[in-house]
Protein backbone atom coordinates (compact mmCIF):
# COMPACT_ATOMS: atom_id res chain seq x y z
CA MET A 1 2.65 -72.71 31.85
CA ALA A 2 3.54 -71.81 35.61
CA THR A 3 7.03 -70.69 36.73
CA SER A 4 8.26 -71.25 39.98
CA GLU A 5 11.50 -69.04 40.06
CA GLN A 6 13.67 -68.00 37.50
CA GLY A 7 14.98 -70.38 35.59
CA VAL A 8 12.57 -72.95 36.54
CA GLN A 9 9.67 -74.11 34.74
CA ARG A 10 7.27 -76.51 35.17
CA ILE A 11 5.39 -78.09 32.33
CA GLY A 12 1.81 -77.20 32.26
CA GLN A 13 -1.21 -79.52 31.48
CA TRP A 14 -1.64 -81.14 28.15
CA GLN A 15 -3.27 -78.47 25.57
CA PRO A 16 -5.17 -79.77 22.49
CA GLY A 17 -3.40 -79.37 19.25
CA ARG A 18 0.29 -79.75 21.15
CA SER A 19 2.50 -82.58 19.54
CA VAL A 20 4.71 -84.87 21.35
CA MET A 21 7.85 -83.97 19.84
CA GLY A 22 8.70 -85.67 16.15
CA THR A 23 11.73 -88.06 16.13
CA CYS A 24 13.21 -85.71 13.15
CA SER A 25 13.47 -82.22 15.02
CA ARG A 26 14.63 -83.87 17.59
CA MET A 27 17.26 -85.79 15.82
CA LEU A 28 18.16 -82.27 14.11
CA LEU A 29 18.18 -80.30 16.90
CA PHE A 30 20.44 -82.84 18.93
CA ALA A 31 23.04 -82.89 15.93
CA ARG A 32 23.06 -79.16 15.09
CA THR A 33 24.08 -78.53 18.97
CA PHE A 34 26.33 -81.37 18.57
CA LEU A 35 28.17 -79.60 15.64
CA LYS A 36 28.01 -76.43 17.68
CA PHE A 37 28.79 -77.98 20.95
CA PRO A 38 30.88 -81.24 20.81
CA ALA A 39 31.92 -81.26 24.24
CA MET A 40 28.58 -80.48 25.70
CA LEU A 41 26.96 -83.96 24.42
CA GLY A 42 29.84 -86.31 23.62
CA SER A 43 27.96 -88.39 20.71
CA VAL A 44 26.38 -86.54 17.58
CA ILE A 45 23.93 -89.92 18.17
CA PRO A 46 21.19 -89.85 21.28
CA SER A 47 20.91 -92.65 23.51
CA SER A 48 19.66 -96.19 21.92
CA ARG A 49 16.38 -98.00 23.62
CA PHE A 50 19.07 -100.46 24.67
CA LEU A 51 21.22 -98.04 26.74
CA VAL A 52 17.82 -96.11 28.00
CA ASN A 53 16.24 -99.72 29.36
CA ASP A 54 19.61 -100.84 30.61
CA VAL A 55 19.89 -98.02 32.47
CA LEU A 56 16.17 -97.39 33.86
CA SER A 57 16.12 -101.02 34.74
CA GLN A 58 17.76 -100.16 38.16
CA VAL A 59 15.15 -97.86 39.28
CA GLU A 60 12.75 -98.68 42.19
CA TRP A 61 9.95 -97.13 40.72
CA GLU A 62 7.34 -97.85 43.22
CA ARG A 63 9.79 -95.89 45.58
CA ALA A 64 10.99 -93.05 43.75
CA ARG A 65 8.69 -89.85 44.39
CA VAL A 66 11.87 -87.30 43.16
CA ILE A 67 14.37 -88.26 40.21
CA VAL A 68 16.73 -86.03 38.79
CA GLU A 69 18.01 -86.36 35.26
CA PHE A 70 21.51 -84.19 34.29
CA GLY A 71 21.58 -83.29 30.94
CA PRO A 72 18.36 -84.37 29.56
CA GLY A 73 19.03 -82.88 25.86
CA VAL A 74 16.44 -83.63 23.43
CA GLY A 75 14.52 -86.12 25.92
CA THR A 76 14.93 -89.14 24.69
CA MET A 77 15.94 -90.51 28.21
CA THR A 78 13.26 -87.95 30.11
CA GLN A 79 10.70 -89.78 27.96
CA GLU A 80 10.78 -92.85 29.34
CA VAL A 81 11.72 -92.10 32.90
CA LEU A 82 8.05 -90.47 32.71
CA LYS A 83 6.56 -93.60 31.05
CA ARG A 84 7.91 -95.38 34.20
CA MET A 85 7.52 -93.30 37.22
CA ARG A 86 4.98 -92.59 39.54
CA PRO A 87 1.68 -90.53 39.35
CA ASP A 88 2.82 -88.26 42.11
CA ALA A 89 6.41 -88.11 41.17
CA THR A 90 9.03 -85.01 39.91
CA LEU A 91 11.06 -85.41 37.65
CA VAL A 92 13.35 -82.48 37.50
CA ALA A 93 15.39 -82.07 34.36
CA ILE A 94 18.82 -79.91 34.41
CA GLU A 95 19.89 -78.32 31.45
CA LEU A 96 22.43 -76.34 30.31
CA ASN A 97 21.91 -75.69 26.76
CA CYS A 98 19.05 -73.10 26.30
CA GLU A 99 17.44 -74.50 22.97
CA PHE A 100 17.09 -77.66 24.61
CA VAL A 101 15.32 -76.31 27.68
CA ALA A 102 13.23 -74.59 25.08
CA PHE A 103 12.78 -77.61 23.36
CA LEU A 104 11.37 -79.37 25.92
CA GLN A 105 9.29 -76.99 27.55
CA ALA A 106 7.65 -76.70 24.70
CA GLN A 107 7.67 -80.51 23.32
CA VAL A 108 6.82 -82.30 26.42
CA PRO A 109 3.16 -82.31 28.02
CA ASP A 110 3.98 -84.16 31.27
CA PRO A 111 3.37 -81.54 34.92
CA ARG A 112 5.24 -84.02 36.77
CA LEU A 113 8.17 -82.58 34.57
CA CYS A 114 10.43 -79.61 35.98
CA VAL A 115 12.82 -78.20 33.72
CA VAL A 116 15.60 -76.01 34.72
CA HIS A 117 18.50 -74.28 33.30
CA ALA A 118 20.98 -74.88 35.52
CA SER A 119 24.80 -76.54 36.21
CA ALA A 120 24.52 -80.35 37.15
CA GLY A 121 26.65 -78.89 40.03
CA GLU A 122 23.77 -76.58 41.81
CA VAL A 123 21.65 -79.62 41.87
CA ARG A 124 20.89 -79.04 45.87
CA THR A 125 19.63 -75.32 44.73
CA VAL A 126 17.51 -76.60 42.14
CA LEU A 127 15.37 -79.14 44.65
CA GLY A 128 15.27 -76.54 47.15
CA ARG A 129 13.75 -73.57 44.72
CA LEU A 130 11.16 -76.20 43.85
CA GLY A 131 10.50 -76.92 47.27
CA LEU A 132 11.95 -80.88 47.04
CA GLY A 133 13.42 -82.85 49.12
CA ARG A 134 16.62 -85.28 48.61
CA ALA A 135 16.44 -86.85 45.00
CA ASP A 136 15.57 -90.94 44.94
CA TYR A 137 17.70 -91.07 42.00
CA ILE A 138 19.96 -89.27 40.03
CA ILE A 139 20.35 -90.08 36.07
CA SER A 140 23.62 -88.32 34.11
CA GLY A 141 24.10 -88.82 30.95
CA ILE A 142 26.86 -85.77 30.95
CA PRO A 143 30.23 -86.22 29.14
CA TYR A 144 32.22 -86.32 32.27
CA THR A 145 35.31 -86.81 30.37
CA ASN A 146 35.03 -83.35 28.54
CA MET A 147 34.45 -81.69 31.74
CA PRO A 148 37.64 -80.32 33.85
CA GLU A 149 38.67 -82.19 36.66
CA ALA A 150 37.15 -79.44 39.63
CA ALA A 151 33.93 -79.58 37.90
CA ARG A 152 33.84 -83.48 37.40
CA ARG A 153 34.51 -83.86 41.13
CA GLU A 154 32.16 -80.83 42.17
CA ILE A 155 29.11 -82.71 40.09
CA VAL A 156 29.63 -85.93 41.65
CA GLU A 157 30.19 -84.80 45.00
CA GLU A 158 26.80 -82.26 45.10
CA SER A 159 25.17 -85.48 43.30
CA LYS A 160 26.17 -87.48 46.35
CA ARG A 161 24.62 -84.48 48.85
CA ALA A 162 21.76 -84.45 46.96
CA LEU A 163 20.45 -88.05 47.41
CA GLY A 164 18.51 -89.44 50.34
CA PRO A 165 19.86 -92.23 52.26
CA GLN A 166 18.59 -94.98 50.29
CA GLY A 167 18.94 -92.80 46.99
CA ALA A 168 21.45 -93.78 43.57
CA LEU A 169 23.36 -92.28 41.09
CA LEU A 170 22.90 -94.04 37.80
CA ILE A 171 25.71 -92.69 35.31
CA TYR A 172 26.24 -93.56 31.79
CA GLN A 173 29.32 -93.11 29.79
CA PHE A 174 31.19 -94.13 26.71
CA THR A 175 34.55 -93.81 28.93
CA ARG A 176 35.98 -94.54 32.50
CA THR A 177 37.18 -91.36 33.12
CA VAL A 178 34.38 -90.67 36.09
CA LEU A 179 35.09 -93.79 37.62
CA PRO A 180 37.84 -93.02 40.18
CA TYR A 181 36.08 -89.90 41.00
CA LEU A 182 32.68 -91.99 42.01
CA GLU A 183 34.94 -94.74 43.96
CA SER A 184 36.32 -91.75 46.05
CA SER A 185 32.84 -90.33 46.85
CA PHE A 186 30.12 -93.23 46.78
CA GLY A 187 30.53 -96.26 49.28
CA SER A 188 29.80 -98.65 46.15
CA VAL A 189 29.42 -98.56 42.84
CA ARG A 190 28.81 -101.40 40.53
CA GLN A 191 29.32 -101.05 36.64
CA GLY A 192 27.86 -102.81 33.67
CA PHE A 193 28.28 -102.32 29.74
CA GLN A 194 25.65 -101.96 27.29
CA PRO A 195 27.97 -103.01 23.70
CA LEU A 196 24.85 -102.27 21.60
CA ASN A 197 24.68 -98.75 21.98
CA VAL A 198 26.31 -96.36 19.47
CA LEU A 199 28.70 -96.02 20.84
CA PRO A 200 29.36 -98.89 23.45
CA ALA A 201 28.59 -97.60 26.85
CA ARG A 202 29.52 -97.93 30.39
CA ILE A 203 26.73 -98.01 33.46
CA PHE A 204 27.82 -97.13 36.87
CA HIS A 205 25.33 -97.66 39.54
CA CYS A 206 26.68 -95.55 42.97
CA THR A 207 24.53 -95.73 46.38
CA PRO A 208 26.06 -93.91 49.29
């Protein structure tokens, strides 16, 4: 593996004998982390395929060269993004939890993935360290409801600044807490709803 900056790790090429993350180990790590830090995750269960498909159906994959994910956790959304994105695209996964960072670095063998130990509010700094321009998409499932108001506002504003002119912020949440912050920062906020997720989730598609 090649490290580009402190806290920024680019995943190396596939290595023989290296296994893709198993469902059991992924679920156990997610549940254990939820019990230790419930406010960090917001749910004891990773996102369902219904929610993942609804969120990712809003991405125009042909033009998406730089994609950022806030709070990748154990990689449920991450792996699906990697399946869909272009061979020459980059996915930057920004995660605060050290265990999740280590897990993704060890278990997701894709050279297009950069796993970063940082806060979502540092997104522009992270992109700069990696030598990347502004993001085409930011995908975020971090629990805005559990954050202090100042952190919530900072992340929303920094997300807008990190997006290109045609970029979009895609957020999925269990509540509408973040909606006023999105409406005050973005020119357009479209809403969706996925009832089959556990818990039922709201989806916000935000453009400058």
